[in-house]
Amino acid sequence: TELNTTLQMGSTESIKRFIKNGNSYGIISMAAIYDELFRNELQIIEINNLRINRDFSFITIAGNRNKLSEKFCNFAKIAYKKML
């Protein structure tokens, strides 16, 4: 089955505004809608047997790798492996 895509947006804020002002659905990070959930402006719709995986990247200012950033990356890798 093909999904008839009506609109594609380029930012999290534009998606949130569109959802709040229309009768539609979207896919967005829970962290991005924390405030809206707290204020009951948006709600999460649970979909059984649906799991969406996303890739994230560690970022920093170019040329700014240091011991603290390495420690954080290692911590995150270990915490992720524990969740699996």
C-alpha atoms as a PDB file:
ATOM      1  CA  THR A   1       0.000   0.000   0.000  1.00  0.00           C
ATOM      2  CA  GLU A   2       1.339   3.420  -0.943  1.00  0.00           C
ATOM      3  CA  LEU A   3       1.076   6.370   1.432  1.00  0.00           C
ATOM      4  CA  ASN A   4      -0.253   9.507  -0.178  1.00  0.00           C
ATOM      5  CA  THR A   5       2.133  12.108   1.223  1.00  0.00           C
ATOM      6  CA  THR A   6       0.506  15.506   1.286  1.00  0.00           C
ATOM      7  CA  LEU A   7       3.335  17.515   2.784  1.00  0.00           C
ATOM      8  CA  GLN A   8       6.944  17.113   3.853  1.00  0.00           C
ATOM      9  CA  MET A   9       8.435  19.540   6.387  1.00  0.00           C
ATOM     10  CA  GLY A  10      12.017  20.361   7.178  1.00  0.00           C
ATOM     11  CA  SER A  11      11.981  21.192  10.883  1.00  0.00           C
ATOM     12  CA  THR A  12      10.607  19.850  14.142  1.00  0.00           C
ATOM     13  CA  GLU A  13       8.931  23.157  14.961  1.00  0.00           C
ATOM     14  CA  SER A  14       7.107  23.270  11.628  1.00  0.00           C
ATOM     15  CA  ILE A  15       5.800  19.739  12.174  1.00  0.00           C
ATOM     16  CA  LYS A  16       4.544  20.608  15.660  1.00  0.00           C
ATOM     17  CA  ARG A  17       2.808  23.778  14.432  1.00  0.00           C
ATOM     18  CA  PHE A  18       1.177  21.906  11.568  1.00  0.00           C
ATOM     19  CA  ILE A  19      -0.127  19.136  13.859  1.00  0.00           C
ATOM     20  CA  LYS A  20      -1.466  21.660  16.399  1.00  0.00           C
ATOM     21  CA  ASN A  21      -3.299  23.647  13.691  1.00  0.00           C
ATOM     22  CA  GLY A  22      -4.724  20.827  11.615  1.00  0.00           C
ATOM     23  CA  ASN A  23      -6.326  17.441  11.701  1.00  0.00           C
ATOM     24  CA  SER A  24      -3.283  15.313  10.977  1.00  0.00           C
ATOM     25  CA  TYR A  25      -0.629  13.000  12.373  1.00  0.00           C
ATOM     26  CA  GLY A  26       3.133  13.042  12.360  1.00  0.00           C
ATOM     27  CA  ILE A  27       6.198  11.162  13.530  1.00  0.00           C
ATOM     28  CA  ILE A  28       8.486  13.096  15.850  1.00  0.00           C
ATOM     29  CA  SER A  29      10.882  12.483  18.722  1.00  0.00           C
ATOM     30  CA  MET A  30       9.292  12.335  22.179  1.00  0.00           C
ATOM     31  CA  ALA A  31      12.037  14.632  23.444  1.00  0.00           C
ATOM     32  CA  ALA A  32      10.947  17.247  20.904  1.00  0.00           C
ATOM     33  CA  ILE A  33       7.387  17.337  22.244  1.00  0.00           C
ATOM     34  CA  TYR A  34       8.064  17.100  25.977  1.00  0.00           C
ATOM     35  CA  ASP A  35       6.635  20.561  26.719  1.00  0.00           C
ATOM     36  CA  GLU A  36       3.605  20.014  24.489  1.00  0.00           C
ATOM     37  CA  LEU A  37       2.863  16.698  26.207  1.00  0.00           C
ATOM     38  CA  PHE A  38       3.142  18.342  29.628  1.00  0.00           C
ATOM     39  CA  ARG A  39       0.712  21.088  28.551  1.00  0.00           C
ATOM     40  CA  ASN A  40      -1.656  18.511  26.956  1.00  0.00           C
ATOM     41  CA  GLU A  41      -1.317  20.196  23.563  1.00  0.00           C
ATOM     42  CA  LEU A  42      -0.225  16.995  21.815  1.00  0.00           C
ATOM     43  CA  GLN A  43      -0.691  13.333  22.630  1.00  0.00           C
ATOM     44  CA  ILE A  44       1.150  10.136  21.793  1.00  0.00           C
ATOM     45  CA  ILE A  45      -0.709   7.469  19.853  1.00  0.00           C
ATOM     46  CA  GLU A  46       0.561   3.972  20.652  1.00  0.00           C
ATOM     47  CA  ILE A  47       0.693   1.635  17.661  1.00  0.00           C
ATOM     48  CA  ASN A  48       1.029  -2.031  18.618  1.00  0.00           C
ATOM     49  CA  ASN A  49       3.908  -3.957  17.068  1.00  0.00           C
ATOM     50  CA  LEU A  50       5.479  -0.849  15.513  1.00  0.00           C
ATOM     51  CA  ARG A  51       9.041   0.006  16.387  1.00  0.00           C
ATOM     52  CA  ILE A  52      10.923   2.785  14.615  1.00  0.00           C
ATOM     53  CA  ASN A  53      14.699   2.865  14.962  1.00  0.00           C
ATOM     54  CA  ARG A  54      16.698   6.015  14.327  1.00  0.00           C
ATOM     55  CA  ASP A  55      20.386   6.698  13.933  1.00  0.00           C
ATOM     56  CA  PHE A  56      21.937   9.504  15.930  1.00  0.00           C
ATOM     57  CA  SER A  57      25.392  11.027  15.689  1.00  0.00           C
ATOM     58  CA  PHE A  58      27.671  12.425  18.339  1.00  0.00           C
ATOM     59  CA  ILE A  59      28.647  15.954  17.387  1.00  0.00           C
ATOM     60  CA  THR A  60      31.082  18.583  18.636  1.00  0.00           C
ATOM     61  CA  ILE A  61      32.881  21.648  17.361  1.00  0.00           C
ATOM     62  CA  ALA A  62      35.339  20.646  14.631  1.00  0.00           C
ATOM     63  CA  GLY A  63      38.763  19.876  16.079  1.00  0.00           C
ATOM     64  CA  ASN A  64      37.458  19.814  19.660  1.00  0.00           C
ATOM     65  CA  ARG A  65      37.794  16.113  20.580  1.00  0.00           C
ATOM     66  CA  ASN A  66      38.859  15.838  24.197  1.00  0.00           C
ATOM     67  CA  LYS A  67      38.842  13.360  27.084  1.00  0.00           C
ATOM     68  CA  LEU A  68      35.402  14.459  28.279  1.00  0.00           C
ATOM     69  CA  SER A  69      33.792  13.912  24.870  1.00  0.00           C
ATOM     70  CA  GLU A  70      35.492  10.511  24.568  1.00  0.00           C
ATOM     71  CA  LYS A  71      34.250   9.578  28.036  1.00  0.00           C
ATOM     72  CA  PHE A  72      30.694  10.588  27.095  1.00  0.00           C
ATOM     73  CA  CYS A  73      30.790   8.568  23.859  1.00  0.00           C
ATOM     74  CA  ASN A  74      32.046   5.494  25.705  1.00  0.00           C
ATOM     75  CA  PHE A  75      29.368   5.901  28.392  1.00  0.00           C
ATOM     76  CA  ALA A  76      26.642   6.121  25.754  1.00  0.00           C
ATOM     77  CA  LYS A  77      27.916   3.027  23.912  1.00  0.00           C
ATOM     78  CA  ILE A  78      27.977   0.972  27.114  1.00  0.00           C
ATOM     79  CA  ALA A  79      24.524   2.184  28.199  1.00  0.00           C
ATOM     80  CA  TYR A  80      23.118   1.339  24.759  1.00  0.00           C
ATOM     81  CA  LYS A  81      24.563  -2.197  24.821  1.00  0.00           C
ATOM     82  CA  LYS A  82      22.965  -2.760  28.241  1.00  0.00           C
ATOM     83  CA  MET A  83      19.549  -1.877  26.799  1.00  0.00           C
ATOM     84  CA  LEU A  84      19.805  -4.503  24.051  1.00  0.00           C
END
